[in-house]
Amino acid sequence: VTEGLFQSAEEVSAHADQSEIYGGGWYPGDVK
């Protein structure tokens, strides 16, 4: 289930860990 797109690095850090989906790092503009 998608909640939108990350809009900032702070939003990425505050969200649940998505590294098991992809371990190469998540950035603003990625799927949340």
All heavy atoms as atom14 arrays in JSON, in Angstrom:
{
  "sequence": "VTEGLFQSAEEVSAHADQSEIYGGGWYPGDVK",
  "atom14_mask": [
    [1, 1, 1, 1, 1, 1, 1, 0, 0, 0, 0, 0, 0, 0],
    [1, 1, 1, 1, 1, 1, 1, 0, 0, 0, 0, 0, 0, 0],
    [1, 1, 1, 1, 1, 1, 1, 1, 1, 0, 0, 0, 0, 0],
    [1, 1, 1, 1, 0, 0, 0, 0, 0, 0, 0, 0, 0, 0],
    [1, 1, 1, 1, 1, 1, 1, 1, 0, 0, 0, 0, 0, 0],
    [1, 1, 1, 1, 1, 1, 1, 1, 1, 1, 1, 0, 0, 0],
    [1, 1, 1, 1, 1, 1, 1, 1, 1, 0, 0, 0, 0, 0],
    [1, 1, 1, 1, 1, 1, 0, 0, 0, 0, 0, 0, 0, 0],
    [1, 1, 1, 1, 1, 0, 0, 0, 0, 0, 0, 0, 0, 0],
    [1, 1, 1, 1, 1, 1, 1, 1, 1, 0, 0, 0, 0, 0],
    [1, 1, 1, 1, 1, 1, 1, 1, 1, 0, 0, 0, 0, 0],
    [1, 1, 1, 1, 1, 1, 1, 0, 0, 0, 0, 0, 0, 0],
    [1, 1, 1, 1, 1, 1, 0, 0, 0, 0, 0, 0, 0, 0],
    [1, 1, 1, 1, 1, 0, 0, 0, 0, 0, 0, 0, 0, 0],
    [1, 1, 1, 1, 1, 1, 1, 1, 1, 1, 0, 0, 0, 0],
    [1, 1, 1, 1, 1, 0, 0, 0, 0, 0, 0, 0, 0, 0],
    [1, 1, 1, 1, 1, 1, 1, 1, 0, 0, 0, 0, 0, 0],
    [1, 1, 1, 1, 1, 1, 1, 1, 1, 0, 0, 0, 0, 0],
    [1, 1, 1, 1, 1, 1, 0, 0, 0, 0, 0, 0, 0, 0],
    [1, 1, 1, 1, 1, 1, 1, 1, 1, 0, 0, 0, 0, 0],
    [1, 1, 1, 1, 1, 1, 1, 1, 0, 0, 0, 0, 0, 0],
    [1, 1, 1, 1, 1, 1, 1, 1, 1, 1, 1, 1, 0, 0],
    [1, 1, 1, 1, 0, 0, 0, 0, 0, 0, 0, 0, 0, 0],
    [1, 1, 1, 1, 0, 0, 0, 0, 0, 0, 0, 0, 0, 0],
    [1, 1, 1, 1, 0, 0, 0, 0, 0, 0, 0, 0, 0, 0],
    [1, 1, 1, 1, 1, 1, 1, 1, 1, 1, 1, 1, 1, 1],
    [1, 1, 1, 1, 1, 1, 1, 1, 1, 1, 1, 1, 0, 0],
    [1, 1, 1, 1, 1, 1, 1, 0, 0, 0, 0, 0, 0, 0],
    [1, 1, 1, 1, 0, 0, 0, 0, 0, 0, 0, 0, 0, 0],
    [1, 1, 1, 1, 1, 1, 1, 1, 0, 0, 0, 0, 0, 0],
    [1, 1, 1, 1, 1, 1, 1, 0, 0, 0, 0, 0, 0, 0],
    [1, 1, 1, 1, 1, 1, 1, 1, 1, 0, 0, 0, 0, 0]
  ],
  "atom14_positions": [
    [[0.86, -1.18, 0.0], [0.0, 0.0, 0.0], [0.9, 1.23, 0.0], [1.83, 1.35, 0.8], [-0.93, 0.01, 1.23], [-1.75, 1.3, 1.27], [-1.85, -1.21, 1.2], [0.0, 0.0, 0.0], [0.0, 0.0, 0.0], [0.0, 0.0, 0.0], [0.0, 0.0, 0.0], [0.0, 0.0, 0.0], [0.0, 0.0, 0.0], [0.0, 0.0, 0.0]],
    [[0.63, 2.15, -0.93], [1.46, 3.34, -1.08], [0.84, 4.54, -0.38], [-0.36, 4.8, -0.53], [1.65, 3.67, -2.57], [1.93, 2.47, -3.28], [2.79, 4.64, -2.77], [0.0, 0.0, 0.0], [0.0, 0.0, 0.0], [0.0, 0.0, 0.0], [0.0, 0.0, 0.0], [0.0, 0.0, 0.0], [0.0, 0.0, 0.0], [0.0, 0.0, 0.0]],
    [[1.65, 5.26, 0.36], [1.19, 6.47, 1.06], [1.57, 7.74, 0.31], [1.21, 8.82, 0.74], [1.77, 6.51, 2.46], [1.23, 5.43, 3.38], [1.71, 5.58, 4.81], [2.93, 5.74, 5.02], [0.86, 5.54, 5.72], [0.0, 0.0, 0.0], [0.0, 0.0, 0.0], [0.0, 0.0, 0.0], [0.0, 0.0, 0.0], [0.0, 0.0, 0.0]],
    [[2.29, 7.61, -0.78], [2.7, 8.79, -1.54], [4.19, 8.72, -1.86], [4.78, 7.64, -1.88], [0.0, 0.0, 0.0], [0.0, 0.0, 0.0], [0.0, 0.0, 0.0], [0.0, 0.0, 0.0], [0.0, 0.0, 0.0], [0.0, 0.0, 0.0], [0.0, 0.0, 0.0], [0.0, 0.0, 0.0], [0.0, 0.0, 0.0], [0.0, 0.0, 0.0]],
    [[4.79, 9.87, -2.11], [6.21, 9.95, -2.4], [6.9, 10.76, -1.3], [6.34, 11.73, -0.78], [6.45, 10.64, -3.75], [5.81, 10.0, -4.99], [6.11, 10.83, -6.23], [6.3, 8.57, -5.17], [0.0, 0.0, 0.0], [0.0, 0.0, 0.0], [0.0, 0.0, 0.0], [0.0, 0.0, 0.0], [0.0, 0.0, 0.0], [0.0, 0.0, 0.0]],
    [[8.1, 10.32, -0.9], [8.88, 11.08, 0.08], [9.2, 12.47, -0.5], [9.6, 12.6, -1.65], [10.19, 10.36, 0.4], [10.01, 9.11, 1.21], [10.39, 7.87, 0.69], [9.48, 9.15, 2.48], [10.24, 6.71, 1.43], [9.33, 8.0, 3.24], [9.71, 6.77, 2.71], [0.0, 0.0, 0.0], [0.0, 0.0, 0.0], [0.0, 0.0, 0.0]],
    [[9.03, 13.5, 0.35], [9.28, 14.87, -0.1], [10.56, 15.46, 0.49], [11.01, 16.52, 0.05], [8.09, 15.76, 0.29], [6.78, 15.35, -0.34], [6.8, 15.43, -1.86], [7.45, 16.31, -2.43], [6.11, 14.51, -2.51], [0.0, 0.0, 0.0], [0.0, 0.0, 0.0], [0.0, 0.0, 0.0], [0.0, 0.0, 0.0], [0.0, 0.0, 0.0]],
    [[11.17, 14.75, 1.46], [12.4, 15.28, 2.07], [13.17, 14.14, 2.71], [12.62, 13.06, 2.97], [12.06, 16.34, 3.13], [11.35, 15.75, 4.2], [0.0, 0.0, 0.0], [0.0, 0.0, 0.0], [0.0, 0.0, 0.0], [0.0, 0.0, 0.0], [0.0, 0.0, 0.0], [0.0, 0.0, 0.0], [0.0, 0.0, 0.0], [0.0, 0.0, 0.0]],
    [[14.46, 14.38, 2.99], [15.29, 13.38, 3.66], [14.79, 13.14, 5.08], [14.89, 12.02, 5.6], [16.75, 13.85, 3.67], [0.0, 0.0, 0.0], [0.0, 0.0, 0.0], [0.0, 0.0, 0.0], [0.0, 0.0, 0.0], [0.0, 0.0, 0.0], [0.0, 0.0, 0.0], [0.0, 0.0, 0.0], [0.0, 0.0, 0.0], [0.0, 0.0, 0.0]],
    [[14.26, 14.18, 5.73], [13.73, 14.02, 7.08], [12.52, 13.08, 7.09], [12.35, 12.28, 8.01], [13.32, 15.37, 7.65], [14.49, 16.32, 7.94], [15.08, 16.93, 6.68], [14.38, 16.89, 5.63], [16.22, 17.42, 6.74], [0.0, 0.0, 0.0], [0.0, 0.0, 0.0], [0.0, 0.0, 0.0], [0.0, 0.0, 0.0], [0.0, 0.0, 0.0]],
    [[11.71, 13.16, 6.05], [10.54, 12.27, 5.95], [10.98, 10.82, 5.76], [10.37, 9.9, 6.3], [9.64, 12.7, 4.8], [8.29, 11.98, 4.77], [7.39, 12.51, 3.66], [7.74, 13.52, 3.02], [6.33, 11.88, 3.44], [0.0, 0.0, 0.0], [0.0, 0.0, 0.0], [0.0, 0.0, 0.0], [0.0, 0.0, 0.0], [0.0, 0.0, 0.0]],
    [[12.06, 10.62, 5.01], [12.6, 9.27, 4.82], [13.08, 8.71, 6.16], [12.81, 7.56, 6.51], [13.77, 9.29, 3.8], [14.42, 7.91, 3.72], [13.27, 9.73, 2.43], [0.0, 0.0, 0.0], [0.0, 0.0, 0.0], [0.0, 0.0, 0.0], [0.0, 0.0, 0.0], [0.0, 0.0, 0.0], [0.0, 0.0, 0.0], [0.0, 0.0, 0.0]],
    [[13.81, 9.53, 6.93], [14.36, 9.07, 8.21], [13.27, 8.76, 9.22], [13.4, 7.85, 10.05], [15.3, 10.13, 8.78], [16.36, 10.39, 7.89], [0.0, 0.0, 0.0], [0.0, 0.0, 0.0], [0.0, 0.0, 0.0], [0.0, 0.0, 0.0], [0.0, 0.0, 0.0], [0.0, 0.0, 0.0], [0.0, 0.0, 0.0], [0.0, 0.0, 0.0]],
    [[12.18, 9.52, 9.2], [11.11, 9.35, 10.18], [10.19, 8.19, 9.84], [9.4, 7.75, 10.69], [10.29, 10.64, 10.28], [0.0, 0.0, 0.0], [0.0, 0.0, 0.0], [0.0, 0.0, 0.0], [0.0, 0.0, 0.0], [0.0, 0.0, 0.0], [0.0, 0.0, 0.0], [0.0, 0.0, 0.0], [0.0, 0.0, 0.0], [0.0, 0.0, 0.0]],
    [[10.27, 7.66, 8.62], [9.35, 6.61, 8.19], [9.88, 5.23, 8.56], [11.06, 5.07, 8.93], [9.13, 6.71, 6.67], [8.05, 5.81, 6.17], [6.75, 5.89, 6.58], [8.09, 4.77, 5.27], [6.02, 4.97, 5.96], [6.82, 4.28, 5.16], [0.0, 0.0, 0.0], [0.0, 0.0, 0.0], [0.0, 0.0, 0.0], [0.0, 0.0, 0.0]],
    [[9.03, 4.23, 8.47], [9.43, 2.84, 8.72], [10.57, 2.44, 7.78], [10.67, 2.92, 6.65], [8.23, 1.91, 8.5], [0.0, 0.0, 0.0], [0.0, 0.0, 0.0], [0.0, 0.0, 0.0], [0.0, 0.0, 0.0], [0.0, 0.0, 0.0], [0.0, 0.0, 0.0], [0.0, 0.0, 0.0], [0.0, 0.0, 0.0], [0.0, 0.0, 0.0]],
    [[11.43, 1.55, 8.27], [12.62, 1.13, 7.52], [12.19, 0.33, 6.28], [11.51, -0.68, 6.38], [13.49, 0.27, 8.43], [14.76, -0.21, 7.74], [15.08, 0.34, 6.66], [15.4, -1.14, 8.25], [0.0, 0.0, 0.0], [0.0, 0.0, 0.0], [0.0, 0.0, 0.0], [0.0, 0.0, 0.0], [0.0, 0.0, 0.0], [0.0, 0.0, 0.0]],
    [[12.62, 0.8, 5.09], [12.26, 0.12, 3.84], [13.44, -0.6, 3.21], [13.4, -0.99, 2.05], [11.68, 1.13, 2.83], [10.42, 1.81, 3.32], [9.72, 2.63, 2.25], [8.57, 3.0, 2.41], [10.38, 2.92, 1.14], [0.0, 0.0, 0.0], [0.0, 0.0, 0.0], [0.0, 0.0, 0.0], [0.0, 0.0, 0.0], [0.0, 0.0, 0.0]],
    [[14.5, -0.85, 4.0], [15.72, -1.44, 3.46], [15.53, -2.89, 3.02], [16.3, -3.39, 2.19], [16.86, -1.35, 4.48], [16.52, -2.06, 5.66], [0.0, 0.0, 0.0], [0.0, 0.0, 0.0], [0.0, 0.0, 0.0], [0.0, 0.0, 0.0], [0.0, 0.0, 0.0], [0.0, 0.0, 0.0], [0.0, 0.0, 0.0], [0.0, 0.0, 0.0]],
    [[14.54, -3.59, 3.58], [14.33, -4.97, 3.16], [13.68, -5.03, 1.77], [13.75, -6.06, 1.1], [13.46, -5.71, 4.18], [14.16, -5.95, 5.51], [13.34, -6.85, 6.43], [12.8, -7.85, 5.95], [13.25, -6.53, 7.63], [0.0, 0.0, 0.0], [0.0, 0.0, 0.0], [0.0, 0.0, 0.0], [0.0, 0.0, 0.0], [0.0, 0.0, 0.0]],
    [[13.05, -3.95, 1.36], [12.53, -3.88, 0.0], [13.66, -3.52, -0.97], [13.77, -4.1, -2.05], [11.4, -2.83, -0.1], [10.22, -3.25, 0.8], [10.94, -2.65, -1.54], [9.54, -4.55, 0.38], [0.0, 0.0, 0.0], [0.0, 0.0, 0.0], [0.0, 0.0, 0.0], [0.0, 0.0, 0.0], [0.0, 0.0, 0.0], [0.0, 0.0, 0.0]],
    [[14.5, -2.57, -0.55], [15.67, -2.19, -1.35], [16.72, -1.62, -0.41], [16.45, -0.67, 0.35], [15.27, -1.16, -2.41], [16.44, -0.58, -3.17], [17.19, -1.39, -4.02], [16.79, 0.76, -3.03], [18.27, -0.87, -4.71], [17.86, 1.29, -3.72], [18.61, 0.47, -4.56], [19.67, 0.98, -5.25], [0.0, 0.0, 0.0], [0.0, 0.0, 0.0]],
    [[17.91, -2.19, -0.47], [18.96, -1.8, 0.48], [19.9, -0.74, -0.01], [20.88, -0.42, 0.67], [0.0, 0.0, 0.0], [0.0, 0.0, 0.0], [0.0, 0.0, 0.0], [0.0, 0.0, 0.0], [0.0, 0.0, 0.0], [0.0, 0.0, 0.0], [0.0, 0.0, 0.0], [0.0, 0.0, 0.0], [0.0, 0.0, 0.0], [0.0, 0.0, 0.0]],
    [[19.63, -0.17, -1.17], [20.56, 0.81, -1.73], [20.3, 2.24, -1.32], [20.94, 3.17, -1.84], [0.0, 0.0, 0.0], [0.0, 0.0, 0.0], [0.0, 0.0, 0.0], [0.0, 0.0, 0.0], [0.0, 0.0, 0.0], [0.0, 0.0, 0.0], [0.0, 0.0, 0.0], [0.0, 0.0, 0.0], [0.0, 0.0, 0.0], [0.0, 0.0, 0.0]],
    [[19.38, 2.46, -0.39], [19.1, 3.8, 0.07], [17.82, 4.37, -0.52], [17.45, 4.07, -1.66], [0.0, 0.0, 0.0], [0.0, 0.0, 0.0], [0.0, 0.0, 0.0], [0.0, 0.0, 0.0], [0.0, 0.0, 0.0], [0.0, 0.0, 0.0], [0.0, 0.0, 0.0], [0.0, 0.0, 0.0], [0.0, 0.0, 0.0], [0.0, 0.0, 0.0]],
    [[17.14, 5.2, 0.31], [15.89, 5.84, -0.11], [16.05, 7.35, -0.02], [16.65, 7.87, 0.92], [14.73, 5.37, 0.77], [14.45, 3.89, 0.58], [15.1, 2.86, 1.16], [13.46, 3.33, -0.26], [14.59, 1.65, 0.74], [13.57, 1.91, -0.14], [12.49, 3.85, -1.11], [12.75, 1.03, -0.84], [11.66, 2.97, -1.8], [11.8, 1.59, -1.67]],
    [[15.47, 8.05, -0.99], [15.69, 9.49, -1.12], [14.38, 10.21, -1.43], [13.37, 9.57, -1.77], [16.72, 9.75, -2.23], [18.01, 9.03, -2.04], [18.23, 7.77, -2.62], [19.03, 9.58, -1.26], [19.42, 7.09, -2.44], [20.23, 8.91, -1.07], [20.42, 7.66, -1.66], [21.6, 7.0, -1.46], [0.0, 0.0, 0.0], [0.0, 0.0, 0.0]],
    [[14.39, 11.53, -1.29], [13.2, 12.29, -1.69], [12.81, 11.95, -3.13], [13.66, 11.87, -4.01], [13.65, 13.75, -1.54], [14.72, 13.71, -0.51], [15.43, 12.42, -0.71], [0.0, 0.0, 0.0], [0.0, 0.0, 0.0], [0.0, 0.0, 0.0], [0.0, 0.0, 0.0], [0.0, 0.0, 0.0], [0.0, 0.0, 0.0], [0.0, 0.0, 0.0]],
    [[11.52, 11.75, -3.35], [11.03, 11.36, -4.66], [10.78, 9.88, -4.79], [10.19, 9.42, -5.77], [0.0, 0.0, 0.0], [0.0, 0.0, 0.0], [0.0, 0.0, 0.0], [0.0, 0.0, 0.0], [0.0, 0.0, 0.0], [0.0, 0.0, 0.0], [0.0, 0.0, 0.0], [0.0, 0.0, 0.0], [0.0, 0.0, 0.0], [0.0, 0.0, 0.0]],
    [[11.24, 9.09, -3.78], [10.98, 7.65, -3.8], [9.59, 7.35, -3.22], [8.98, 8.18, -2.54], [12.04, 6.9, -2.99], [13.37, 6.83, -3.73], [13.35, 6.9, -4.98], [14.41, 6.7, -3.06], [0.0, 0.0, 0.0], [0.0, 0.0, 0.0], [0.0, 0.0, 0.0], [0.0, 0.0, 0.0], [0.0, 0.0, 0.0], [0.0, 0.0, 0.0]],
    [[9.13, 6.12, -3.46], [7.8, 5.69, -3.01], [7.82, 5.43, -1.51], [8.76, 4.83, -0.97], [7.36, 4.44, -3.78], [6.07, 3.89, -3.17], [7.15, 4.76, -5.25], [0.0, 0.0, 0.0], [0.0, 0.0, 0.0], [0.0, 0.0, 0.0], [0.0, 0.0, 0.0], [0.0, 0.0, 0.0], [0.0, 0.0, 0.0], [0.0, 0.0, 0.0]],
    [[6.76, 5.86, -0.86], [6.6, 5.69, 0.59], [5.54, 4.61, 0.83], [4.37, 4.81, 0.55], [6.17, 7.01, 1.21], [5.94, 6.99, 2.7], [5.5, 8.38, 3.17], [5.25, 8.43, 4.66], [4.79, 9.78, 5.07], [0.0, 0.0, 0.0], [0.0, 0.0, 0.0], [0.0, 0.0, 0.0], [0.0, 0.0, 0.0], [0.0, 0.0, 0.0]]
  ]
}
